[in-house]
Amino acid sequence: MADFSDEGFDDWPAGSGRIVGTWDLPLAADERQAMEMLAQTLRVTANPLGRTQLAVLLLGQVPADLLKTAVIHLRQLLRRDFVGMLPMEVATNILEYLPIQDIVRSASLVSRRWRAVATQACLWRRLFLRRGWRVDGDRWAFYISLPRGICPARVLLDSSVLRVSNALSIATTPNGIGALLEHPPATPRQTLDSVLGGIGKSYMPQRVLRQRQFISPSSSEASSRSSSPTSSPQLRSPALAIDWRMLYAEYTRLEANWRFGRCRVDRWESAHAESIYCLQFDRHNRLFSGSRDTTVKVWHLADAASQITQLATLRGHSGSVLTLQADDAVLVTGSSDATVCVWDLCSYTRTHCLHHADAVLSLRFNAKWLVTACKDRLVRVWRRESGYKDMFELRGHDVAVNAVHLHGDMLVSASGDRSIKVWDLERRTCVLTLADHARGVACLDFDGRFIVSGSSDRSIRIWGLDSRRCERVIHNAHSDLVRTIMFDRAMDIIVSGSYDESIKIWRFSTGALMHKIKNVHTSRVFKLMFDRSRIVSCSHDRSISIIDFGANLPHGRMLV
């Protein structure tokens, strides 16, 4: 371990004959010898109380004008630099329990030893992970390993590389159009310094590899929620050097951007020839969009440049593409032509074509099931392991099934008959019906415990599966039908899009409106989804928009 000399602290070695600090008095030789003998007497006295009483008696003989100086030097003996005396591992464990402002502002200024402890990568890694934050290790490894000058979009275009690499991840493309908030937050904006005490200034992004703290990313947990970017098992990456202190600063700034509405809106006009009904982006930087023009387009979104690259156009439907979902290898699309197409994303070829009796309005799949919802009031469930040959139907809705969501073996469906039904797919039965909406339910999101739904009655409702009832209602959330919705309990966020052309951000825990973001679309919003740093949406106006809360963060896309 490196030798950390502390110039801001002094102590006497054990057994020293000196009395207090560096208090060298101008004494004659015989007087100094007498003092040394007295000090020796104090040391050999076995009883600590006796030594204490003798020291007090001696202090009583000190003139008042010198007593104050003696007390100052005695105080130095009472001070112990525990951080300097302890091993580095123990010292960082102690500092971990200090408020973040104290670590940045105070601990770093005590001495060089304290600063060395306060800037340890292991300390900031623990602080980062304790907040429940995560880093996309595979994405980090990919961008570190790319040769200088190589565009990630070119890698995506090579299907053979994509087949063996899971290293791409979520990204977005700022072009600085700028979002205006119709209802800015009442809380005054805080600067980063007020939150972190200068941490943002002291650590610049280009020093991301400065700290030599190595990690090996673990496999991510597969998720069946289509309203979050698709996760998949990640390939084991080489050891990564991460500056955890810098990432802590960026994550704090990202949360503040969401809280205070600091964002930029990037918009791509005429992404399709007609209305765009559905989209999804994933952790591979890919964006999938389906349109009334019967096509599905696959895009790559650049991280730091105003660039969107079209990777492929898939043609296989004869009607509007109304719904889609993708994972690393498979894309599934549903259309008004009553078909469901399954695509191989390595070759961009159609592998299966499934049929309904009417337009397919919604679909979701996970490793086990593919669920499709139809205008004919039926929900069809296909077992993927059977090659989509084993299928059964769920009946219970009176009119068209507008939306479905899948979580394990649990399915939630929403219909124009004003009801939401919860199904057990293994038992093929409806286990719960929720029916508090005044008009048809247009959209929903589901995370296994809570359901958030939007309706043509213009309200948003939050339902608890444990309580089996509606726990919160946001009345008049929009001025028209709530067409698309998504929530994240960890972020405490609900985002909704409506026929009224607006996108709104709500607090999940309270139902309070955080922001209404305008100038995103000029017509009805059909679909949106979000991750930690941005919201992506599509509209009847044929555009794709990205509301970017991480535009000012060089490594914001690495945060998940």
Protein backbone atom coordinates (compact mmCIF):
# COMPACT_ATOMS: atom_id res chain seq x y z
CA MET A 1 0.00 0.00 0.00
CA ALA A 2 1.30 3.46 -0.87
CA ASP A 3 2.76 5.55 1.97
CA PHE A 4 0.42 8.49 2.61
CA SER A 5 2.31 11.13 4.57
CA ASP A 6 0.00 13.62 6.24
CA GLU A 7 1.48 17.10 6.52
CA GLY A 8 -1.63 18.41 8.23
CA PHE A 9 -1.32 16.26 11.37
CA ASP A 10 1.43 15.60 13.89
CA ASP A 11 1.69 13.09 16.74
CA TRP A 12 4.45 11.92 19.05
CA PRO A 13 5.82 8.39 18.84
CA ALA A 14 5.16 6.12 21.77
CA GLY A 15 7.70 6.49 24.58
CA SER A 16 8.81 9.93 23.51
CA GLY A 17 10.35 12.01 26.27
CA ARG A 18 8.88 15.22 24.96
CA ILE A 19 5.95 16.55 26.87
CA VAL A 20 3.55 18.33 24.51
CA GLY A 21 3.67 18.81 20.76
CA THR A 22 6.51 20.91 19.45
CA TRP A 23 6.32 23.30 22.36
CA ASP A 24 10.03 23.98 22.81
CA LEU A 25 10.46 26.43 25.70
CA PRO A 26 13.64 28.51 26.22
CA LEU A 27 14.78 26.63 29.37
CA ALA A 28 18.18 26.23 30.93
CA ALA A 29 19.81 22.79 30.80
CA ASP A 30 19.20 22.01 34.50
CA GLU A 31 15.56 23.09 34.23
CA ARG A 32 15.05 20.95 31.17
CA GLN A 33 16.65 17.97 32.94
CA ALA A 34 14.30 18.43 35.88
CA MET A 35 11.33 18.47 33.53
CA GLU A 36 12.51 15.28 31.85
CA MET A 37 12.78 13.61 35.27
CA LEU A 38 9.27 14.76 36.13
CA ALA A 39 7.97 13.39 32.84
CA GLN A 40 9.68 10.07 33.62
CA THR A 41 7.94 10.03 37.01
CA LEU A 42 4.59 10.51 35.27
CA ARG A 43 5.29 7.61 32.89
CA VAL A 44 6.27 5.11 35.58
CA THR A 45 3.25 5.87 37.75
CA ALA A 46 1.11 2.77 37.31
CA ASN A 47 -2.22 4.26 38.28
CA PRO A 48 -3.66 6.42 35.46
CA LEU A 49 -5.70 8.35 38.04
CA GLY A 50 -2.53 9.14 39.92
CA ARG A 51 -0.86 10.43 36.76
CA THR A 52 -3.91 12.52 36.01
CA GLN A 53 -3.98 14.04 39.51
CA LEU A 54 -0.27 14.85 39.36
CA ALA A 55 -0.69 16.50 35.94
CA VAL A 56 -3.57 18.62 37.25
CA LEU A 57 -1.49 19.72 40.24
CA LEU A 58 1.32 20.75 37.91
CA LEU A 59 -1.07 22.71 35.70
CA GLY A 60 -2.25 24.54 38.78
CA GLN A 61 1.26 25.96 39.15
CA VAL A 62 1.30 27.34 35.59
CA PRO A 63 0.80 31.15 35.30
CA ALA A 64 -2.54 32.13 33.83
CA ASP A 65 -1.03 33.77 30.75
CA LEU A 66 0.76 30.50 29.81
CA LEU A 67 -2.11 28.21 30.79
CA LYS A 68 -4.02 29.04 27.63
CA THR A 69 -1.03 28.03 25.50
CA ALA A 70 -0.71 24.80 27.46
CA VAL A 71 -4.36 23.98 26.88
CA ILE A 72 -3.96 24.50 23.12
CA HIS A 73 -1.12 22.01 23.03
CA LEU A 74 -3.03 19.57 25.20
CA ARG A 75 -5.89 19.62 22.71
CA GLN A 76 -3.50 18.40 20.05
CA LEU A 77 -2.93 15.27 22.11
CA LEU A 78 -6.67 14.57 22.14
CA ARG A 79 -6.95 14.62 18.34
CA ARG A 80 -6.68 11.34 16.49
CA ASP A 81 -6.76 11.09 12.68
CA PHE A 82 -8.68 7.82 12.52
CA VAL A 83 -8.78 7.92 8.72
CA GLY A 84 -5.00 8.21 8.60
CA MET A 85 -4.53 5.45 11.14
CA LEU A 86 -6.93 2.93 9.59
CA PRO A 87 -6.36 0.77 6.51
CA MET A 88 -7.75 2.22 3.28
CA GLU A 89 -10.54 -0.38 3.05
CA VAL A 90 -11.81 0.42 6.55
CA ALA A 91 -11.54 4.18 6.02
CA THR A 92 -13.61 4.06 2.83
CA ASN A 93 -16.27 2.02 4.63
CA ILE A 94 -16.53 4.76 7.26
CA LEU A 95 -16.72 7.63 4.77
CA GLU A 96 -19.47 5.80 2.90
CA TYR A 97 -21.93 6.78 5.65
CA LEU A 98 -21.23 10.51 5.38
CA PRO A 99 -23.63 12.74 3.41
CA ILE A 100 -22.45 13.15 -0.16
CA GLN A 101 -21.89 16.89 0.34
CA ASP A 102 -19.56 16.21 3.28
CA ILE A 103 -17.52 13.71 1.28
CA VAL A 104 -17.04 16.19 -1.56
CA ARG A 105 -16.73 19.48 0.32
CA SER A 106 -15.27 18.61 3.71
CA ALA A 107 -13.52 15.25 3.75
CA SER A 108 -11.47 16.10 0.66
CA LEU A 109 -10.11 19.25 2.32
CA VAL A 110 -8.94 17.82 5.65
CA SER A 111 -5.62 16.45 4.42
CA ARG A 112 -4.03 14.60 1.56
CA ARG A 113 -4.80 11.27 3.23
CA TRP A 114 -8.48 12.18 3.61
CA ARG A 115 -8.65 13.33 0.00
CA ALA A 116 -7.06 10.08 -1.18
CA VAL A 117 -9.75 8.13 0.70
CA ALA A 118 -12.59 10.41 -0.45
CA THR A 119 -11.66 9.91 -4.12
CA GLN A 120 -11.25 6.13 -3.99
CA ALA A 121 -13.08 4.36 -6.83
CA CYS A 122 -14.36 1.63 -4.49
CA LEU A 123 -16.03 4.27 -2.29
CA TRP A 124 -17.86 5.90 -5.21
CA ARG A 125 -18.79 2.51 -6.66
CA ARG A 126 -20.53 1.58 -3.40
CA LEU A 127 -22.25 4.97 -3.22
CA PHE A 128 -23.40 4.56 -6.84
CA LEU A 129 -24.77 1.05 -6.41
CA ARG A 130 -26.39 1.86 -3.06
CA ARG A 131 -28.67 4.29 -4.90
CA GLY A 132 -29.93 1.40 -7.04
CA TRP A 133 -28.19 2.78 -10.14
CA ARG A 134 -26.62 0.55 -12.78
CA VAL A 135 -24.21 0.84 -15.69
CA ASP A 136 -24.64 -0.95 -19.02
CA GLY A 137 -21.28 -2.71 -18.93
CA ASP A 138 -21.62 -4.32 -22.37
CA ARG A 139 -22.37 -0.99 -23.98
CA TRP A 140 -19.36 0.56 -22.28
CA ALA A 141 -17.13 -2.29 -23.45
CA PHE A 142 -18.35 -1.98 -27.01
CA TYR A 143 -17.62 1.72 -27.37
CA ILE A 144 -14.24 1.37 -25.69
CA SER A 145 -13.33 -1.48 -28.06
CA LEU A 146 -14.43 0.27 -31.28
CA PRO A 147 -11.46 1.45 -33.37
CA ARG A 148 -11.27 5.21 -33.64
CA GLY A 149 -13.34 6.51 -36.54
CA ILE A 150 -15.62 3.45 -36.79
CA CYS A 151 -19.33 4.33 -36.77
CA PRO A 152 -21.54 2.01 -34.66
CA ALA A 153 -24.19 2.15 -37.39
CA ARG A 154 -21.76 0.46 -39.79
CA VAL A 155 -21.34 -2.36 -37.30
CA LEU A 156 -25.11 -2.79 -37.13
CA LEU A 157 -25.32 -2.96 -40.91
CA ASP A 158 -23.08 -6.03 -40.84
CA SER A 159 -25.49 -8.78 -39.75
CA SER A 160 -22.66 -11.23 -39.13
CA VAL A 161 -21.21 -8.88 -36.52
CA LEU A 162 -24.62 -8.32 -34.97
CA ARG A 163 -25.12 -12.08 -34.67
CA VAL A 164 -22.18 -12.46 -32.30
CA SER A 165 -22.17 -9.06 -30.60
CA ASN A 166 -24.64 -7.92 -27.95
CA ALA A 167 -22.56 -4.90 -27.13
CA LEU A 168 -24.64 -2.14 -28.65
CA SER A 169 -27.11 -0.33 -26.46
CA ILE A 170 -29.57 2.51 -26.07
CA ALA A 171 -28.73 5.86 -27.62
CA THR A 172 -30.32 9.00 -28.98
CA THR A 173 -29.48 11.85 -31.29
CA PRO A 174 -29.70 15.48 -30.15
CA ASN A 175 -30.09 18.20 -32.74
CA GLY A 176 -30.96 20.98 -30.36
CA ILE A 177 -34.51 21.91 -31.35
CA GLY A 178 -35.36 22.61 -27.72
CA ALA A 179 -38.43 21.73 -25.66
CA LEU A 180 -40.63 24.33 -24.00
CA LEU A 181 -42.41 23.52 -20.79
CA GLU A 182 -45.93 24.84 -20.53
CA HIS A 183 -45.96 24.27 -16.75
CA PRO A 184 -42.41 24.79 -15.43
CA PRO A 185 -41.78 23.33 -11.97
CA ALA A 186 -42.41 25.59 -8.99
CA THR A 187 -39.22 24.46 -7.27
CA PRO A 188 -36.30 26.75 -8.19
CA ARG A 189 -33.67 25.07 -10.28
CA GLN A 190 -30.62 23.97 -8.41
CA THR A 191 -27.19 23.99 -9.91
CA LEU A 192 -25.11 20.85 -9.85
CA ASP A 193 -22.82 22.47 -7.28
CA SER A 194 -25.70 22.82 -4.83
CA VAL A 195 -26.41 19.10 -5.16
CA LEU A 196 -22.90 17.71 -5.32
CA GLY A 197 -20.77 20.52 -3.95
CA GLY A 198 -18.60 20.95 -7.02
CA ILE A 199 -18.21 17.33 -8.03
CA GLY A 200 -19.42 18.09 -11.54
CA LYS A 201 -16.72 20.71 -12.09
CA SER A 202 -13.87 18.76 -10.62
CA TYR A 203 -14.33 15.66 -12.76
CA MET A 204 -14.45 16.14 -16.52
CA PRO A 205 -15.97 13.49 -18.83
CA GLN A 206 -12.73 12.76 -20.67
CA ARG A 207 -11.31 11.39 -17.43
CA VAL A 208 -13.73 8.49 -17.48
CA LEU A 209 -10.94 5.91 -17.48
CA ARG A 210 -8.80 7.65 -14.87
CA GLN A 211 -9.76 5.45 -11.93
CA ARG A 212 -8.56 1.89 -12.31
CA GLN A 213 -11.60 0.20 -10.80
CA PHE A 214 -12.38 -2.88 -12.86
CA ILE A 215 -15.71 -4.63 -13.29
CA SER A 216 -16.98 -7.51 -15.37
CA PRO A 217 -20.60 -6.93 -16.42
CA SER A 218 -23.07 -9.59 -15.39
CA SER A 219 -25.88 -10.84 -17.53
CA SER A 220 -28.91 -8.60 -17.52
CA GLU A 221 -32.27 -9.90 -16.44
CA ALA A 222 -34.60 -10.65 -19.33
CA SER A 223 -37.74 -8.55 -19.29
CA SER A 224 -41.07 -9.09 -20.95
CA ARG A 225 -42.28 -5.53 -20.51
CA SER A 226 -42.53 -4.08 -23.97
CA SER A 227 -42.72 -0.59 -22.54
CA SER A 228 -39.09 -0.73 -21.49
CA PRO A 229 -36.10 -1.18 -23.79
CA THR A 230 -35.65 -4.88 -24.41
CA SER A 231 -33.09 -6.52 -22.18
CA SER A 232 -31.26 -9.70 -23.05
CA PRO A 233 -28.38 -11.80 -21.77
CA GLN A 234 -25.21 -9.80 -22.28
CA LEU A 235 -21.96 -11.23 -23.56
CA ARG A 236 -19.12 -11.27 -21.06
CA SER A 237 -17.03 -8.18 -21.72
CA PRO A 238 -13.39 -7.42 -20.93
CA ALA A 239 -12.60 -5.71 -17.66
CA LEU A 240 -13.68 -2.09 -17.74
CA ALA A 241 -12.09 0.90 -16.07
CA ILE A 242 -14.88 3.14 -14.81
CA ASP A 243 -14.68 6.47 -13.06
CA TRP A 244 -17.48 5.91 -10.56
CA ARG A 245 -17.24 9.40 -9.13
CA MET A 246 -17.87 10.95 -12.53
CA LEU A 247 -20.77 8.55 -13.17
CA TYR A 248 -22.30 9.47 -9.79
CA ALA A 249 -22.18 13.12 -10.82
CA GLU A 250 -23.78 12.40 -14.19
CA TYR A 251 -26.55 10.28 -12.69
CA THR A 252 -27.34 13.04 -10.18
CA ARG A 253 -27.49 15.58 -12.99
CA LEU A 254 -29.74 13.25 -15.02
CA GLU A 255 -32.22 12.94 -12.14
CA ALA A 256 -32.19 16.72 -11.76
CA ASN A 257 -32.92 17.11 -15.49
CA TRP A 258 -36.05 14.97 -15.12
CA ARG A 259 -37.07 16.78 -11.96
CA PHE A 260 -36.70 20.29 -13.37
CA GLY A 261 -37.63 19.56 -16.98
CA ARG A 262 -34.28 20.26 -18.60
CA CYS A 263 -34.45 18.51 -21.97
CA ARG A 264 -34.02 18.89 -25.70
CA VAL A 265 -36.42 17.70 -28.37
CA ASP A 266 -35.06 16.14 -31.54
CA ARG A 267 -37.53 15.54 -34.35
CA TRP A 268 -37.26 13.66 -37.62
CA GLU A 269 -39.94 14.68 -40.09
CA SER A 270 -41.42 12.23 -42.60
CA ALA A 271 -39.77 9.15 -41.10
CA HIS A 272 -42.50 7.23 -42.94
CA ALA A 273 -44.75 8.11 -45.85
CA GLU A 274 -47.85 7.98 -43.62
CA SER A 275 -48.87 7.91 -39.96
CA ILE A 276 -46.56 6.03 -37.56
CA TYR A 277 -48.60 3.85 -35.21
CA CYS A 278 -45.97 2.01 -33.18
CA LEU A 279 -42.31 2.05 -32.23
CA GLN A 280 -39.80 0.51 -29.89
CA PHE A 281 -36.14 1.22 -29.20
CA ASP A 282 -33.77 -1.25 -27.58
CA ARG A 283 -30.40 -1.41 -25.88
CA HIS A 284 -28.67 -2.02 -29.24
CA ASN A 285 -29.24 1.57 -30.46
CA ARG A 286 -31.95 0.24 -32.75
CA LEU A 287 -35.32 1.90 -33.25
CA PHE A 288 -38.21 -0.01 -34.87
CA SER A 289 -41.19 1.86 -36.30
CA GLY A 290 -44.39 0.63 -37.96
CA SER A 291 -46.59 2.75 -40.17
CA ARG A 292 -49.80 3.07 -42.10
CA ASP A 293 -47.64 2.83 -45.23
CA THR A 294 -47.45 -0.97 -44.47
CA THR A 295 -43.69 -0.95 -43.78
CA VAL A 296 -41.53 -1.52 -40.74
CA LYS A 297 -38.29 0.45 -40.59
CA VAL A 298 -35.21 -0.29 -38.52
CA TRP A 299 -33.05 2.70 -37.54
CA HIS A 300 -29.81 3.34 -35.74
CA LEU A 301 -29.70 6.35 -33.41
CA ALA A 302 -26.31 7.97 -32.94
CA ASP A 303 -25.09 8.92 -29.48
CA ALA A 304 -23.49 12.31 -29.87
CA ALA A 305 -24.37 13.51 -33.36
CA SER A 306 -27.56 14.71 -35.06
CA GLN A 307 -27.82 11.55 -37.09
CA ILE A 308 -30.35 8.81 -37.63
CA THR A 309 -29.38 5.97 -39.97
CA GLN A 310 -31.89 3.68 -41.63
CA LEU A 311 -30.72 0.08 -41.41
CA ALA A 312 -33.56 -1.77 -43.13
CA THR A 313 -37.12 -1.57 -44.43
CA LEU A 314 -39.26 -4.67 -43.90
CA ARG A 315 -42.19 -5.33 -46.22
CA GLY A 316 -44.57 -8.17 -45.52
CA HIS A 317 -47.92 -6.67 -44.54
CA SER A 318 -50.65 -5.47 -46.88
CA GLY A 319 -52.21 -3.19 -44.25
CA SER A 320 -51.14 -0.68 -41.59
CA VAL A 321 -48.57 -1.92 -39.08
CA LEU A 322 -50.34 -1.24 -35.78
CA THR A 323 -48.14 -2.92 -33.19
CA LEU A 324 -44.68 -4.44 -32.81
CA GLN A 325 -42.15 -5.76 -30.32
CA ALA A 326 -38.52 -6.82 -30.70
CA ASP A 327 -35.79 -8.50 -28.73
CA ASP A 328 -32.16 -9.11 -29.73
CA ALA A 329 -32.94 -11.61 -32.48
CA VAL A 330 -36.66 -11.48 -33.25
CA LEU A 331 -39.15 -8.81 -34.32
CA VAL A 332 -42.90 -9.48 -34.23
CA THR A 333 -45.36 -7.16 -36.01
CA GLY A 334 -49.15 -7.01 -36.14
CA SER A 335 -51.24 -5.37 -38.83
CA SER A 336 -54.71 -4.29 -39.88
CA ASP A 337 -54.46 -7.03 -42.54
CA ALA A 338 -55.19 -9.53 -39.70
CA THR A 339 -51.70 -11.07 -39.79
CA VAL A 340 -48.83 -11.35 -37.33
CA CYS A 341 -45.33 -11.59 -38.85
CA VAL A 342 -42.26 -12.92 -37.08
CA TRP A 343 -38.92 -11.61 -38.43
CA ASP A 344 -35.32 -12.74 -38.02
CA LEU A 345 -33.31 -9.61 -37.21
CA CYS A 346 -30.02 -11.11 -38.37
CA SER A 347 -31.23 -11.63 -41.94
CA TYR A 348 -34.27 -9.31 -41.86
CA THR A 349 -36.42 -12.11 -43.29
CA ARG A 350 -39.90 -13.24 -42.29
CA THR A 351 -39.92 -16.64 -40.62
CA HIS A 352 -43.60 -17.07 -39.59
CA CYS A 353 -46.96 -15.57 -40.52
CA LEU A 354 -49.86 -16.03 -38.08
CA HIS A 355 -53.49 -15.12 -38.71
CA HIS A 356 -56.46 -13.49 -36.97
CA ALA A 357 -59.98 -12.84 -38.21
CA ASP A 358 -59.60 -9.05 -37.94
CA ALA A 359 -57.03 -6.30 -37.35
CA VAL A 360 -54.32 -7.07 -34.78
CA LEU A 361 -54.29 -4.11 -32.38
CA SER A 362 -51.64 -5.15 -29.85
CA LEU A 363 -49.12 -7.91 -29.18
CA ARG A 364 -46.53 -8.88 -26.60
CA PHE A 365 -44.12 -11.77 -26.23
CA ASN A 366 -41.54 -13.20 -23.87
CA ALA A 367 -39.41 -16.34 -23.98
CA LYS A 368 -42.46 -18.56 -23.53
CA TRP A 369 -45.53 -16.83 -24.96
CA LEU A 370 -46.65 -14.69 -27.87
CA VAL A 371 -49.94 -12.90 -27.13
CA THR A 372 -51.94 -11.07 -29.79
CA ALA A 373 -55.05 -8.92 -29.29
CA CYS A 374 -57.57 -8.40 -32.01
CA LYS A 375 -60.47 -6.27 -33.09
CA ASP A 376 -62.57 -9.46 -33.12
CA ARG A 377 -62.65 -9.37 -29.25
CA LEU A 378 -60.28 -12.37 -28.95
CA VAL A 379 -56.88 -12.73 -27.36
CA ARG A 380 -54.77 -15.45 -28.92
CA VAL A 381 -51.85 -17.04 -27.07
CA TRP A 382 -49.12 -18.91 -28.93
CA ARG A 383 -46.42 -21.11 -27.39
CA ARG A 384 -43.14 -20.01 -28.94
CA GLU A 385 -41.32 -23.26 -28.19
CA SER A 386 -43.81 -25.11 -30.42
CA GLY A 387 -42.92 -22.96 -33.40
CA TYR A 388 -46.20 -21.05 -32.95
CA LYS A 389 -48.22 -24.19 -33.67
CA ASP A 390 -49.72 -24.57 -30.20
CA MET A 391 -52.35 -21.83 -29.77
CA PHE A 392 -55.38 -21.17 -27.58
CA GLU A 393 -57.86 -18.29 -27.29
CA LEU A 394 -59.01 -16.19 -24.34
CA ARG A 395 -62.58 -14.91 -24.47
CA GLY A 396 -64.17 -12.43 -22.11
CA HIS A 397 -64.19 -8.96 -23.64
CA ASP A 398 -67.32 -7.62 -25.33
CA VAL A 399 -65.62 -5.40 -27.91
CA ALA A 400 -62.17 -4.96 -29.43
CA VAL A 401 -59.13 -5.69 -27.26
CA ASN A 402 -57.00 -2.54 -27.61
CA ALA A 403 -53.92 -3.42 -25.54
CA VAL A 404 -52.19 -6.35 -23.85
CA HIS A 405 -49.20 -6.63 -21.54
CA LEU A 406 -47.29 -9.70 -20.47
CA HIS A 407 -45.34 -10.43 -17.29
CA GLY A 408 -44.22 -14.03 -16.92
CA ASP A 409 -47.36 -16.18 -17.10
CA MET A 410 -49.58 -13.22 -16.21
CA LEU A 411 -51.38 -11.32 -18.95
CA VAL A 412 -53.31 -8.05 -18.71
CA SER A 413 -55.73 -7.00 -21.45
CA ALA A 414 -57.65 -3.75 -21.97
CA SER A 415 -60.74 -3.31 -24.09
CA GLY A 416 -63.16 -0.79 -25.47
CA ASP A 417 -65.75 -2.39 -23.17
CA ARG A 418 -64.22 -0.24 -20.34
CA SER A 419 -62.70 -3.24 -18.55
CA ILE A 420 -59.20 -4.52 -17.78
CA LYS A 421 -58.77 -8.25 -17.28
CA VAL A 422 -55.91 -10.15 -15.63
CA TRP A 423 -55.31 -13.67 -16.97
CA ASP A 424 -53.34 -16.69 -15.76
CA LEU A 425 -51.97 -18.18 -18.98
CA GLU A 426 -51.07 -21.54 -17.51
CA ARG A 427 -54.61 -22.03 -16.23
CA ARG A 428 -56.11 -20.13 -19.19
CA THR A 429 -58.51 -18.30 -16.89
CA CYS A 430 -59.37 -14.72 -15.98
CA VAL A 431 -58.43 -14.11 -12.35
CA LEU A 432 -59.43 -10.45 -12.00
CA THR A 433 -61.58 -7.87 -13.78
CA LEU A 434 -61.14 -4.12 -13.18
CA ALA A 435 -63.81 -1.80 -14.52
CA ASP A 436 -63.76 1.77 -13.19
CA HIS A 437 -63.17 3.65 -16.44
CA ALA A 438 -66.17 5.57 -17.80
CA ARG A 439 -65.24 4.84 -21.43
CA GLY A 440 -63.08 2.42 -23.39
CA VAL A 441 -59.53 1.67 -22.23
CA ALA A 442 -57.04 2.56 -24.96
CA CYS A 443 -53.66 1.70 -23.43
CA LEU A 444 -51.99 0.21 -20.38
CA ASP A 445 -48.63 -0.65 -18.85
CA PHE A 446 -47.93 -3.43 -16.35
CA ASP A 447 -44.92 -4.35 -14.21
CA GLY A 448 -46.23 -7.38 -12.32
CA ARG A 449 -47.59 -5.42 -9.35
CA PHE A 450 -49.24 -2.32 -10.76
CA ILE A 451 -51.28 -1.50 -13.86
CA VAL A 452 -51.46 2.03 -15.26
CA SER A 453 -54.20 2.60 -17.84
CA GLY A 454 -55.33 5.43 -20.12
CA SER A 455 -58.81 5.81 -21.53
CA SER A 456 -60.99 7.80 -23.86
CA ASP A 457 -62.58 9.23 -20.70
CA ARG A 458 -59.33 11.30 -20.58
CA SER A 459 -58.27 9.86 -17.21
CA ILE A 460 -55.26 7.85 -16.04
CA ARG A 461 -55.82 5.18 -13.42
CA ILE A 462 -53.30 3.28 -11.28
CA TRP A 463 -54.38 -0.18 -10.17
CA GLY A 464 -52.80 -2.44 -7.56
CA LEU A 465 -52.89 -6.20 -8.07
CA ASP A 466 -52.40 -6.80 -4.35
CA SER A 467 -55.28 -4.53 -3.40
CA ARG A 468 -57.32 -5.59 -6.47
CA ARG A 469 -58.65 -2.06 -6.92
CA CYS A 470 -57.95 1.37 -8.38
CA GLU A 471 -55.54 3.12 -6.03
CA ARG A 472 -55.21 6.50 -7.73
CA VAL A 473 -57.01 8.46 -10.45
CA ILE A 474 -55.73 11.40 -12.48
CA HIS A 475 -58.91 13.02 -13.78
CA ASN A 476 -58.74 15.07 -16.99
CA ALA A 477 -55.12 14.04 -17.49
CA HIS A 478 -55.47 15.14 -21.12
CA SER A 479 -58.08 17.03 -23.09
CA ASP A 480 -58.65 14.05 -25.39
CA LEU A 481 -58.19 10.27 -25.48
CA VAL A 482 -55.08 8.98 -23.67
CA ARG A 483 -53.57 6.87 -26.46
CA THR A 484 -50.26 5.64 -25.00
CA ILE A 485 -48.77 5.31 -21.53
CA MET A 486 -45.75 3.93 -19.70
CA PHE A 487 -44.46 4.05 -16.12
CA ASP A 488 -41.37 3.23 -14.10
CA ARG A 489 -41.75 2.87 -10.34
CA ALA A 490 -37.99 3.09 -9.73
CA MET A 491 -37.94 6.50 -11.43
CA ASP A 492 -41.36 7.40 -9.93
CA ILE A 493 -42.46 8.47 -13.41
CA ILE A 494 -45.53 8.06 -15.63
CA VAL A 495 -45.39 9.37 -19.21
CA SER A 496 -48.56 9.68 -21.28
CA GLY A 497 -49.36 10.71 -24.85
CA SER A 498 -52.72 11.78 -26.20
CA TYR A 499 -54.82 12.71 -29.18
CA ASP A 500 -54.48 16.29 -27.87
CA GLU A 501 -50.92 16.26 -29.35
CA SER A 502 -49.23 16.57 -25.93
CA ILE A 503 -46.86 14.44 -23.89
CA LYS A 504 -47.06 14.74 -20.11
CA ILE A 505 -44.85 13.50 -17.30
CA TRP A 506 -46.46 12.58 -13.97
CA ARG A 507 -45.23 11.54 -10.56
CA PHE A 508 -46.22 7.89 -10.07
CA SER A 509 -46.39 8.08 -6.27
CA THR A 510 -48.67 11.13 -6.12
CA GLY A 511 -50.22 11.57 -9.56
CA ALA A 512 -48.91 15.14 -9.68
CA LEU A 513 -48.11 16.68 -13.06
CA MET A 514 -44.39 17.28 -13.39
CA HIS A 515 -44.15 18.64 -16.95
CA LYS A 516 -46.18 19.13 -20.08
CA ILE A 517 -43.81 19.12 -23.02
CA LYS A 518 -45.11 20.95 -26.06
CA ASN A 519 -43.92 21.38 -29.64
CA VAL A 520 -43.12 17.67 -29.83
CA HIS A 521 -45.77 16.70 -32.39
CA THR A 522 -48.28 18.55 -34.53
CA SER A 523 -50.91 15.80 -34.48
CA ARG A 524 -52.13 12.84 -32.42
CA VAL A 525 -49.49 10.97 -30.41
CA PHE A 526 -49.86 7.24 -31.06
CA LYS A 527 -47.00 5.61 -29.17
CA LEU A 528 -44.19 6.48 -26.76
CA MET A 529 -41.67 4.77 -24.54
CA PHE A 530 -38.82 5.96 -22.34
CA ASP A 531 -35.69 4.88 -20.53
CA ARG A 532 -33.43 6.62 -18.02
CA SER A 533 -32.42 9.42 -20.38
CA ARG A 534 -35.08 10.03 -23.03
CA ILE A 535 -38.63 9.65 -24.31
CA VAL A 536 -39.18 8.47 -27.89
CA SER A 537 -42.58 9.04 -29.53
CA CYS A 538 -44.36 8.78 -32.88
CA SER A 539 -47.42 10.46 -34.27
CA HIS A 540 -50.03 10.87 -36.96
CA ASP A 541 -47.79 13.68 -38.28
CA ARG A 542 -45.35 10.98 -39.63
CA SER A 543 -42.53 12.15 -37.36
CA ILE A 544 -40.40 10.49 -34.70
CA SER A 545 -39.41 12.69 -31.76
CA ILE A 546 -36.90 12.20 -28.97
CA ILE A 547 -37.18 14.17 -25.74
CA ASP A 548 -33.64 13.96 -24.44
CA PHE A 549 -32.95 14.53 -20.73
CA GLY A 550 -29.38 13.30 -21.07
CA ALA A 551 -28.25 15.57 -23.90
CA ASN A 552 -25.78 17.38 -21.62
CA LEU A 553 -24.31 14.15 -20.23
CA PRO A 554 -21.47 12.60 -22.24
CA HIS A 555 -22.08 9.15 -20.75
CA GLY A 556 -25.80 9.39 -20.01
CA ARG A 557 -26.60 6.46 -22.31
CA MET A 558 -24.50 4.16 -20.15
CA LEU A 559 -26.84 4.68 -17.19
CA VAL A 560 -29.68 2.17 -16.87
